[in-house]
Amino acid sequence: MTRCELCFHRCALEEGQRGLCRARSCKNGQIVCDNYGLITSAALDPIEKKPLRRFWPGKYVLSLGSFGCNLRCPFCQNSDISMSDGENMRLFRATPEQIARKAWELTSEGNIGVAYTYNEPTVGYEFVYDCARAVHELGLKNVLVTNGSLLREPLERLLPYIDAMNVDLKGFTSDYYRWLGGDLETVMDFIRVSVRAGCHVEVTTLIVPGKNDREDEIVALSSWLADLDPVIPLHVSRYFPRYRFREEATPVETVYRLAAVARQYLKYVYEGNC
């Protein structure tokens, strides 16, 4: 049995067994990245779509996704790739060098680099790491859009090549994170380490009615971020029915009300999906 030391799940895998993320498995006694170089989604997106509002505004970023995720959010908006193991999917294969060259070719269209996004990129850690190094060698930027479930050691290896990130801080209670199959303390440590390393960090909290929409929770979340740095941008976003969670969408007024609460602590707060 071999243990994966990438995220907080620390899956212990028998030979041939695949981890909870569906993107890593045990082969010949080693944990391998099954989605290495396999792309399910690619687009030249506005940087604001990541969302990043205070990092190269007005520019574009080559955005790539693969398959797999180490959480089980019942309202996932990209469940077709995040909850997949890559079987029966349209995939195309690319090397890190090909990705970097494509990003460079797109600079004439306002591209600043590569964003690793759509599914949870860190489950394909080795590919993200190799791409990020290749992209940096060309003087371009790397953006990580993540749930922040990566453990500290692999995070610290990756951070020198990541210029900006948006981290989903999905709520601020351990019970809520357990419902999502996640771990709040891991995400808090991920954000703390990234901010202290000097990475540009923005945070997104998706407001789900009846789950994480209490004012006291937003107070705790935004005041904790402010203790790290009061200029960390927070995106307070509106939930819509997706995947296995079909409750009604978050009222727009709830998003604006909670954003106003967060502004008591943070300088930059943005309403999303409204």
C-alpha atoms as a PDB file:
ATOM      1  CA  MET A   1       0.000   0.000   0.000  1.00  0.00           C
ATOM      2  CA  THR A   2       1.313   3.438  -0.988  1.00  0.00           C
ATOM      3  CA  ARG A   3       0.134   6.738   0.441  1.00  0.00           C
ATOM      4  CA  CYS A   4      -0.423   9.869  -1.653  1.00  0.00           C
ATOM      5  CA  GLU A   5       0.923  12.909   0.213  1.00  0.00           C
ATOM      6  CA  LEU A   6      -0.548  15.578  -2.027  1.00  0.00           C
ATOM      7  CA  CYS A   7      -3.746  16.603  -0.255  1.00  0.00           C
ATOM      8  CA  PHE A   8      -5.339  16.189   3.162  1.00  0.00           C
ATOM      9  CA  HIS A   9      -7.037  12.910   2.191  1.00  0.00           C
ATOM     10  CA  ARG A  10      -3.632  11.150   2.070  1.00  0.00           C
ATOM     11  CA  CYS A  11      -5.192   8.247   0.173  1.00  0.00           C
ATOM     12  CA  ALA A  12      -3.563   4.878   0.941  1.00  0.00           C
ATOM     13  CA  LEU A  13      -3.705   2.954  -2.336  1.00  0.00           C
ATOM     14  CA  GLU A  14      -3.200  -0.660  -3.289  1.00  0.00           C
ATOM     15  CA  GLU A  15      -1.524  -1.494  -6.588  1.00  0.00           C
ATOM     16  CA  GLY A  16      -3.790  -0.327  -9.431  1.00  0.00           C
ATOM     17  CA  GLN A  17      -6.152   1.531  -7.125  1.00  0.00           C
ATOM     18  CA  ARG A  18      -7.217   5.085  -7.953  1.00  0.00           C
ATOM     19  CA  GLY A  19      -7.467   7.831  -5.340  1.00  0.00           C
ATOM     20  CA  LEU A  20     -10.573   9.729  -4.290  1.00  0.00           C
ATOM     21  CA  CYS A  21      -9.681  12.496  -6.743  1.00  0.00           C
ATOM     22  CA  ARG A  22      -9.920  10.046  -9.679  1.00  0.00           C
ATOM     23  CA  ALA A  23      -6.779  11.579 -11.166  1.00  0.00           C
ATOM     24  CA  ARG A  24      -4.038   9.727  -9.249  1.00  0.00           C
ATOM     25  CA  SER A  25      -3.331   6.033  -8.821  1.00  0.00           C
ATOM     26  CA  CYS A  26      -0.778   3.526  -7.578  1.00  0.00           C
ATOM     27  CA  LYS A  27       1.351   1.884 -10.268  1.00  0.00           C
ATOM     28  CA  ASN A  28       4.427  -0.212  -9.538  1.00  0.00           C
ATOM     29  CA  GLY A  29       4.331   0.972  -5.954  1.00  0.00           C
ATOM     30  CA  GLN A  30       4.392   4.664  -6.898  1.00  0.00           C
ATOM     31  CA  ILE A  31       1.690   7.318  -6.923  1.00  0.00           C
ATOM     32  CA  VAL A  32       1.306   8.584 -10.485  1.00  0.00           C
ATOM     33  CA  CYS A  33      -0.628  11.420 -12.083  1.00  0.00           C
ATOM     34  CA  ASP A  34      -3.158   9.804 -14.434  1.00  0.00           C
ATOM     35  CA  ASN A  35      -4.255  13.093 -15.983  1.00  0.00           C
ATOM     36  CA  TYR A  36      -0.734  14.302 -16.826  1.00  0.00           C
ATOM     37  CA  GLY A  37      -0.907  16.291 -20.067  1.00  0.00           C
ATOM     38  CA  LEU A  38      -4.578  15.449 -20.653  1.00  0.00           C
ATOM     39  CA  ILE A  39      -6.660  18.549 -21.384  1.00  0.00           C
ATOM     40  CA  THR A  40     -10.461  18.583 -21.298  1.00  0.00           C
ATOM     41  CA  SER A  41     -11.011  22.330 -21.593  1.00  0.00           C
ATOM     42  CA  ALA A  42      -9.039  25.242 -23.008  1.00  0.00           C
ATOM     43  CA  ALA A  43      -9.971  28.871 -23.606  1.00  0.00           C
ATOM     44  CA  LEU A  44      -8.467  32.333 -23.739  1.00  0.00           C
ATOM     45  CA  ASP A  45     -10.404  33.953 -20.891  1.00  0.00           C
ATOM     46  CA  PRO A  46     -10.485  37.466 -19.471  1.00  0.00           C
ATOM     47  CA  ILE A  47      -8.421  37.437 -16.279  1.00  0.00           C
ATOM     48  CA  GLU A  48     -11.477  38.779 -14.435  1.00  0.00           C
ATOM     49  CA  LYS A  49     -13.270  35.476 -15.124  1.00  0.00           C
ATOM     50  CA  LYS A  50     -10.949  33.471 -12.860  1.00  0.00           C
ATOM     51  CA  PRO A  51     -12.020  35.603 -10.918  1.00  0.00           C
ATOM     52  CA  LEU A  52      -9.061  37.942 -10.435  1.00  0.00           C
ATOM     53  CA  ARG A  53      -9.971  41.604 -10.231  1.00  0.00           C
ATOM     54  CA  ARG A  54      -6.690  43.114  -9.071  1.00  0.00           C
ATOM     55  CA  PHE A  55      -4.145  41.176 -11.130  1.00  0.00           C
ATOM     56  CA  TRP A  56      -3.456  42.474 -14.639  1.00  0.00           C
ATOM     57  CA  PRO A  57      -7.027  43.743 -15.205  1.00  0.00           C
ATOM     58  CA  GLY A  58      -8.088  43.947 -18.830  1.00  0.00           C
ATOM     59  CA  LYS A  59      -5.736  41.146 -19.887  1.00  0.00           C
ATOM     60  CA  TYR A  60      -6.414  37.556 -20.925  1.00  0.00           C
ATOM     61  CA  VAL A  61      -5.070  34.226 -19.740  1.00  0.00           C
ATOM     62  CA  LEU A  62      -4.866  30.854 -21.485  1.00  0.00           C
ATOM     63  CA  SER A  63      -7.056  28.689 -19.252  1.00  0.00           C
ATOM     64  CA  LEU A  64      -6.671  24.920 -19.071  1.00  0.00           C
ATOM     65  CA  GLY A  65      -8.587  22.166 -17.316  1.00  0.00           C
ATOM     66  CA  SER A  66      -8.202  18.420 -17.003  1.00  0.00           C
ATOM     67  CA  PHE A  67     -10.324  16.009 -14.925  1.00  0.00           C
ATOM     68  CA  GLY A  68     -10.646  15.065 -11.269  1.00  0.00           C
ATOM     69  CA  CYS A  69     -11.191  16.796  -7.931  1.00  0.00           C
ATOM     70  CA  ASN A  70     -10.495  15.992  -4.283  1.00  0.00           C
ATOM     71  CA  LEU A  71     -13.754  17.517  -2.989  1.00  0.00           C
ATOM     72  CA  ARG A  72     -17.349  16.409  -3.540  1.00  0.00           C
ATOM     73  CA  CYS A  73     -19.316  19.668  -3.659  1.00  0.00           C
ATOM     74  CA  PRO A  74     -22.927  18.706  -4.488  1.00  0.00           C
ATOM     75  CA  PHE A  75     -23.390  21.988  -6.386  1.00  0.00           C
ATOM     76  CA  CYS A  76     -20.251  21.710  -8.554  1.00  0.00           C
ATOM     77  CA  GLN A  77     -20.613  23.738 -11.752  1.00  0.00           C
ATOM     78  CA  ASN A  78     -18.010  21.673 -13.645  1.00  0.00           C
ATOM     79  CA  SER A  79     -19.041  18.205 -12.468  1.00  0.00           C
ATOM     80  CA  ASP A  80     -18.712  16.740 -15.965  1.00  0.00           C
ATOM     81  CA  ILE A  81     -14.928  17.016 -15.664  1.00  0.00           C
ATOM     82  CA  SER A  82     -14.293  17.366 -11.926  1.00  0.00           C
ATOM     83  CA  MET A  83     -16.183  14.188 -11.017  1.00  0.00           C
ATOM     84  CA  SER A  84     -14.776  12.216 -13.965  1.00  0.00           C
ATOM     85  CA  ASP A  85     -11.898   9.769 -14.201  1.00  0.00           C
ATOM     86  CA  GLY A  86     -11.283  10.717 -17.822  1.00  0.00           C
ATOM     87  CA  GLU A  87     -13.048   7.715 -19.316  1.00  0.00           C
ATOM     88  CA  ASN A  88     -15.234   8.319 -22.360  1.00  0.00           C
ATOM     89  CA  MET A  89     -14.207  11.958 -22.546  1.00  0.00           C
ATOM     90  CA  ARG A  90     -12.875  14.068 -25.368  1.00  0.00           C
ATOM     91  CA  LEU A  91      -9.260  14.710 -24.362  1.00  0.00           C
ATOM     92  CA  PHE A  92      -6.265  16.155 -26.091  1.00  0.00           C
ATOM     93  CA  ARG A  93      -2.701  15.670 -24.982  1.00  0.00           C
ATOM     94  CA  ALA A  94      -0.094  18.414 -24.616  1.00  0.00           C
ATOM     95  CA  THR A  95       3.385  18.716 -23.158  1.00  0.00           C
ATOM     96  CA  PRO A  96       4.382  21.545 -20.812  1.00  0.00           C
ATOM     97  CA  GLU A  97       6.573  22.960 -23.553  1.00  0.00           C
ATOM     98  CA  GLN A  98       3.663  23.000 -26.006  1.00  0.00           C
ATOM     99  CA  ILE A  99       1.483  24.772 -23.455  1.00  0.00           C
ATOM    100  CA  ALA A 100       4.147  27.396 -22.815  1.00  0.00           C
ATOM    101  CA  ARG A 101       4.684  27.994 -26.542  1.00  0.00           C
ATOM    102  CA  LYS A 102       0.948  28.374 -27.128  1.00  0.00           C
ATOM    103  CA  ALA A 103       0.725  30.872 -24.285  1.00  0.00           C
ATOM    104  CA  TRP A 104       3.580  32.847 -25.842  1.00  0.00           C
ATOM    105  CA  GLU A 105       1.892  32.835 -29.259  1.00  0.00           C
ATOM    106  CA  LEU A 106      -1.240  34.304 -27.678  1.00  0.00           C
ATOM    107  CA  THR A 107       0.557  37.283 -26.133  1.00  0.00           C
ATOM    108  CA  SER A 108      -0.345  39.233 -29.274  1.00  0.00           C
ATOM    109  CA  GLU A 109      -3.984  38.843 -28.187  1.00  0.00           C
ATOM    110  CA  GLY A 110      -3.365  40.177 -24.694  1.00  0.00           C
ATOM    111  CA  ASN A 111      -2.463  36.875 -23.034  1.00  0.00           C
ATOM    112  CA  ILE A 112      -0.300  37.086 -19.905  1.00  0.00           C
ATOM    113  CA  GLY A 113       0.260  33.367 -19.296  1.00  0.00           C
ATOM    114  CA  VAL A 114      -1.562  30.218 -18.213  1.00  0.00           C
ATOM    115  CA  ALA A 115      -4.350  29.589 -15.682  1.00  0.00           C
ATOM    116  CA  TYR A 116      -4.852  26.111 -14.262  1.00  0.00           C
ATOM    117  CA  THR A 117      -8.584  25.930 -13.643  1.00  0.00           C
ATOM    118  CA  TYR A 118     -12.015  24.397 -14.453  1.00  0.00           C
ATOM    119  CA  ASN A 119     -11.437  21.154 -12.521  1.00  0.00           C
ATOM    120  CA  GLU A 120      -9.222  21.099  -9.399  1.00  0.00           C
ATOM    121  CA  PRO A 121      -5.768  21.632 -10.927  1.00  0.00           C
ATOM    122  CA  THR A 122      -3.681  20.461  -7.982  1.00  0.00           C
ATOM    123  CA  VAL A 123      -4.770  16.822  -8.394  1.00  0.00           C
ATOM    124  CA  GLY A 124      -2.662  17.000 -11.554  1.00  0.00           C
ATOM    125  CA  TYR A 125       0.171  18.496  -9.540  1.00  0.00           C
ATOM    126  CA  GLU A 126       3.094  17.210 -11.602  1.00  0.00           C
ATOM    127  CA  PHE A 127       1.722  18.606 -14.850  1.00  0.00           C
ATOM    128  CA  VAL A 128       0.874  21.977 -13.277  1.00  0.00           C
ATOM    129  CA  TYR A 129       4.368  22.142 -11.775  1.00  0.00           C
ATOM    130  CA  ASP A 130       6.103  21.299 -15.063  1.00  0.00           C
ATOM    131  CA  CYS A 131       3.926  23.718 -17.046  1.00  0.00           C
ATOM    132  CA  ALA A 132       4.433  26.507 -14.547  1.00  0.00           C
ATOM    133  CA  ARG A 133       8.215  26.188 -14.793  1.00  0.00           C
ATOM    134  CA  ALA A 134       8.078  26.185 -18.606  1.00  0.00           C
ATOM    135  CA  VAL A 135       5.749  29.207 -18.640  1.00  0.00           C
ATOM    136  CA  HIS A 136       7.994  31.143 -16.259  1.00  0.00           C
ATOM    137  CA  GLU A 137      11.024  30.424 -18.429  1.00  0.00           C
ATOM    138  CA  LEU A 138       9.273  32.434 -21.174  1.00  0.00           C
ATOM    139  CA  GLY A 139       8.606  35.326 -18.779  1.00  0.00           C
ATOM    140  CA  LEU A 140       4.859  34.696 -18.586  1.00  0.00           C
ATOM    141  CA  LYS A 141       2.528  34.429 -15.593  1.00  0.00           C
ATOM    142  CA  ASN A 142       0.945  31.420 -13.897  1.00  0.00           C
ATOM    143  CA  VAL A 143      -2.484  31.543 -12.255  1.00  0.00           C
ATOM    144  CA  LEU A 144      -3.925  28.830 -10.021  1.00  0.00           C
ATOM    145  CA  VAL A 145      -7.696  28.542  -9.454  1.00  0.00           C
ATOM    146  CA  THR A 146      -8.004  26.065  -6.625  1.00  0.00           C
ATOM    147  CA  ASN A 147      -9.947  24.746  -3.653  1.00  0.00           C
ATOM    148  CA  GLY A 148      -6.806  25.107  -1.545  1.00  0.00           C
ATOM    149  CA  SER A 149      -6.673  21.485  -0.373  1.00  0.00           C
ATOM    150  CA  LEU A 150      -2.999  20.978  -1.251  1.00  0.00           C
ATOM    151  CA  LEU A 151      -0.737  20.189   1.703  1.00  0.00           C
ATOM    152  CA  ARG A 152       1.996  22.592   2.754  1.00  0.00           C
ATOM    153  CA  GLU A 153       5.061  20.751   1.409  1.00  0.00           C
ATOM    154  CA  PRO A 154       3.861  20.409  -2.213  1.00  0.00           C
ATOM    155  CA  LEU A 155       2.437  23.938  -2.025  1.00  0.00           C
ATOM    156  CA  GLU A 156       5.796  25.389  -1.016  1.00  0.00           C
ATOM    157  CA  ARG A 157       7.477  23.609  -3.945  1.00  0.00           C
ATOM    158  CA  LEU A 158       4.937  25.079  -6.374  1.00  0.00           C
ATOM    159  CA  LEU A 159       4.649  28.629  -5.038  1.00  0.00           C
ATOM    160  CA  PRO A 160       7.849  30.026  -6.630  1.00  0.00           C
ATOM    161  CA  TYR A 161       6.208  29.510 -10.043  1.00  0.00           C
ATOM    162  CA  ILE A 162       2.704  30.791  -9.209  1.00  0.00           C
ATOM    163  CA  ASP A 163       2.111  34.518  -9.660  1.00  0.00           C
ATOM    164  CA  ALA A 164      -1.534  34.700  -8.641  1.00  0.00           C
ATOM    165  CA  MET A 165      -4.303  32.484  -7.384  1.00  0.00           C
ATOM    166  CA  ASN A 166      -7.969  32.494  -6.577  1.00  0.00           C
ATOM    167  CA  VAL A 167      -8.768  30.189  -3.676  1.00  0.00           C
ATOM    168  CA  ASP A 168     -12.262  28.906  -2.922  1.00  0.00           C
ATOM    169  CA  LEU A 169     -12.775  29.489   0.781  1.00  0.00           C
ATOM    170  CA  LYS A 170     -16.124  27.768   0.622  1.00  0.00           C
ATOM    171  CA  GLY A 171     -17.276  28.647   4.110  1.00  0.00           C
ATOM    172  CA  PHE A 172     -15.863  29.082   7.573  1.00  0.00           C
ATOM    173  CA  THR A 173     -17.111  26.144   9.618  1.00  0.00           C
ATOM    174  CA  SER A 174     -15.693  22.636   9.859  1.00  0.00           C
ATOM    175  CA  ASP A 175     -19.191  21.149   9.559  1.00  0.00           C
ATOM    176  CA  TYR A 176     -19.769  22.824   6.198  1.00  0.00           C
ATOM    177  CA  TYR A 177     -16.420  21.623   4.899  1.00  0.00           C
ATOM    178  CA  ARG A 178     -17.189  18.076   6.024  1.00  0.00           C
ATOM    179  CA  TRP A 179     -20.413  18.252   3.978  1.00  0.00           C
ATOM    180  CA  LEU A 180     -18.269  19.080   0.949  1.00  0.00           C
ATOM    181  CA  GLY A 181     -15.720  16.363   1.700  1.00  0.00           C
ATOM    182  CA  GLY A 182     -13.084  18.956   2.556  1.00  0.00           C
ATOM    183  CA  ASP A 183     -11.008  20.250   5.447  1.00  0.00           C
ATOM    184  CA  LEU A 184     -11.194  23.887   6.548  1.00  0.00           C
ATOM    185  CA  GLU A 185      -7.873  23.936   8.406  1.00  0.00           C
ATOM    186  CA  THR A 186      -6.000  22.760   5.296  1.00  0.00           C
ATOM    187  CA  VAL A 187      -7.514  25.561   3.213  1.00  0.00           C
ATOM    188  CA  MET A 188      -6.752  28.175   5.872  1.00  0.00           C
ATOM    189  CA  ASP A 189      -3.135  27.022   5.992  1.00  0.00           C
ATOM    190  CA  PHE A 190      -2.956  27.066   2.186  1.00  0.00           C
ATOM    191  CA  ILE A 191      -4.114  30.691   2.075  1.00  0.00           C
ATOM    192  CA  ARG A 192      -1.883  31.728   4.971  1.00  0.00           C
ATOM    193  CA  VAL A 193       1.254  30.202   3.432  1.00  0.00           C
ATOM    194  CA  SER A 194       0.498  31.653  -0.026  1.00  0.00           C
ATOM    195  CA  VAL A 195      -0.106  35.182   1.284  1.00  0.00           C
ATOM    196  CA  ARG A 196       3.046  35.130   3.390  1.00  0.00           C
ATOM    197  CA  ALA A 197       5.040  33.910   0.374  1.00  0.00           C
ATOM    198  CA  GLY A 198       4.043  37.089  -1.484  1.00  0.00           C
ATOM    199  CA  CYS A 199       1.748  35.451  -4.013  1.00  0.00           C
ATOM    200  CA  HIS A 200      -1.178  37.562  -5.211  1.00  0.00           C
ATOM    201  CA  VAL A 201      -4.166  35.871  -3.559  1.00  0.00           C
ATOM    202  CA  GLU A 202      -7.856  36.517  -4.139  1.00  0.00           C
ATOM    203  CA  VAL A 203     -10.577  34.499  -2.411  1.00  0.00           C
ATOM    204  CA  THR A 204     -14.032  33.380  -3.525  1.00  0.00           C
ATOM    205  CA  THR A 205     -16.884  32.340  -1.238  1.00  0.00           C
ATOM    206  CA  LEU A 206     -19.970  30.909  -2.923  1.00  0.00           C
ATOM    207  CA  ILE A 207     -23.027  31.688  -0.794  1.00  0.00           C
ATOM    208  CA  VAL A 208     -25.360  28.675  -0.564  1.00  0.00           C
ATOM    209  CA  PRO A 209     -28.767  29.320   1.079  1.00  0.00           C
ATOM    210  CA  GLY A 210     -29.142  27.654   4.444  1.00  0.00           C
ATOM    211  CA  LYS A 211     -25.569  26.373   4.385  1.00  0.00           C
ATOM    212  CA  ASN A 212     -23.069  29.246   4.737  1.00  0.00           C
ATOM    213  CA  ASP A 213     -25.194  32.391   4.486  1.00  0.00           C
ATOM    214  CA  ARG A 214     -25.172  33.531   8.103  1.00  0.00           C
ATOM    215  CA  GLU A 215     -23.742  36.972   8.822  1.00  0.00           C
ATOM    216  CA  ASP A 216     -21.653  35.729  11.738  1.00  0.00           C
ATOM    217  CA  GLU A 217     -19.886  33.284   9.429  1.00  0.00           C
ATOM    218  CA  ILE A 218     -19.030  36.025   6.937  1.00  0.00           C
ATOM    219  CA  VAL A 219     -17.797  38.178   9.822  1.00  0.00           C
ATOM    220  CA  ALA A 220     -15.494  35.371  10.979  1.00  0.00           C
ATOM    221  CA  LEU A 221     -14.270  34.648   7.445  1.00  0.00           C
ATOM    222  CA  SER A 222     -13.594  38.248   6.393  1.00  0.00           C
ATOM    223  CA  SER A 223     -12.021  39.248   9.709  1.00  0.00           C
ATOM    224  CA  TRP A 224      -9.668  36.254   9.492  1.00  0.00           C
ATOM    225  CA  LEU A 225      -8.635  37.301   5.975  1.00  0.00           C
ATOM    226  CA  ALA A 226      -8.177  40.878   7.173  1.00  0.00           C
ATOM    227  CA  ASP A 227      -5.818  39.681   9.902  1.00  0.00           C
ATOM    228  CA  LEU A 228      -3.667  38.173   7.147  1.00  0.00           C
ATOM    229  CA  ASP A 229      -3.935  41.245   4.902  1.00  0.00           C
ATOM    230  CA  PRO A 230      -6.936  43.628   4.682  1.00  0.00           C
ATOM    231  CA  VAL A 231      -6.335  44.170   0.952  1.00  0.00           C
ATOM    232  CA  ILE A 232      -6.964  40.528   0.025  1.00  0.00           C
ATOM    233  CA  PRO A 233      -9.837  40.739  -2.509  1.00  0.00           C
ATOM    234  CA  LEU A 234     -12.903  38.695  -1.571  1.00  0.00           C
ATOM    235  CA  HIS A 235     -15.464  37.618  -4.170  1.00  0.00           C
ATOM    236  CA  VAL A 236     -18.864  36.915  -2.599  1.00  0.00           C
ATOM    237  CA  SER A 237     -20.677  34.879  -5.227  1.00  0.00           C
ATOM    238  CA  ARG A 238     -24.188  33.693  -5.896  1.00  0.00           C
ATOM    239  CA  TYR A 239     -24.966  29.965  -6.010  1.00  0.00           C
ATOM    240  CA  PHE A 240     -27.125  28.466  -8.779  1.00  0.00           C
ATOM    241  CA  PRO A 241     -28.603  24.937  -8.831  1.00  0.00           C
ATOM    242  CA  ARG A 242     -26.047  22.525 -10.264  1.00  0.00           C
ATOM    243  CA  TYR A 243     -25.113  18.830 -10.229  1.00  0.00           C
ATOM    244  CA  ARG A 244     -26.847  17.136  -7.255  1.00  0.00           C
ATOM    245  CA  PHE A 245     -27.982  20.202  -5.313  1.00  0.00           C
ATOM    246  CA  ARG A 246     -31.153  21.686  -6.722  1.00  0.00           C
ATOM    247  CA  GLU A 247     -32.161  24.237  -4.113  1.00  0.00           C
ATOM    248  CA  GLU A 248     -33.190  27.653  -5.417  1.00  0.00           C
ATOM    249  CA  ALA A 249     -30.476  30.131  -6.338  1.00  0.00           C
ATOM    250  CA  THR A 250     -29.160  32.476  -3.684  1.00  0.00           C
ATOM    251  CA  PRO A 251     -31.222  35.673  -3.529  1.00  0.00           C
ATOM    252  CA  VAL A 252     -29.279  38.574  -5.018  1.00  0.00           C
ATOM    253  CA  GLU A 253     -30.007  40.678  -1.947  1.00  0.00           C
ATOM    254  CA  THR A 254     -28.300  38.060   0.241  1.00  0.00           C
ATOM    255  CA  VAL A 255     -25.079  38.359  -1.738  1.00  0.00           C
ATOM    256  CA  TYR A 256     -25.101  42.155  -1.550  1.00  0.00           C
ATOM    257  CA  ARG A 257     -25.925  42.107   2.166  1.00  0.00           C
ATOM    258  CA  LEU A 258     -23.094  39.721   3.017  1.00  0.00           C
ATOM    259  CA  ALA A 259     -20.670  41.624   0.776  1.00  0.00           C
ATOM    260  CA  ALA A 260     -21.502  44.764   2.742  1.00  0.00           C
ATOM    261  CA  VAL A 261     -20.715  42.905   5.964  1.00  0.00           C
ATOM    262  CA  ALA A 262     -17.359  41.767   4.570  1.00  0.00           C
ATOM    263  CA  ARG A 263     -16.482  45.368   3.602  1.00  0.00           C
ATOM    264  CA  GLN A 264     -16.362  46.233   7.277  1.00  0.00           C
ATOM    265  CA  TYR A 265     -13.118  44.231   7.371  1.00  0.00           C
ATOM    266  CA  LEU A 266     -11.723  44.060   3.830  1.00  0.00           C
ATOM    267  CA  LYS A 267     -10.903  46.841   1.390  1.00  0.00           C
ATOM    268  CA  TYR A 268     -11.834  44.991  -1.795  1.00  0.00           C
ATOM    269  CA  VAL A 269     -15.081  42.977  -1.874  1.00  0.00           C
ATOM    270  CA  TYR A 270     -16.844  42.063  -5.119  1.00  0.00           C
ATOM    271  CA  GLU A 271     -20.267  40.558  -5.741  1.00  0.00           C
ATOM    272  CA  GLY A 272     -20.222  37.685  -8.239  1.00  0.00           C
ATOM    273  CA  ASN A 273     -22.814  35.937 -10.435  1.00  0.00           C
ATOM    274  CA  CYS A 274     -25.350  38.673  -9.803  1.00  0.00           C
END
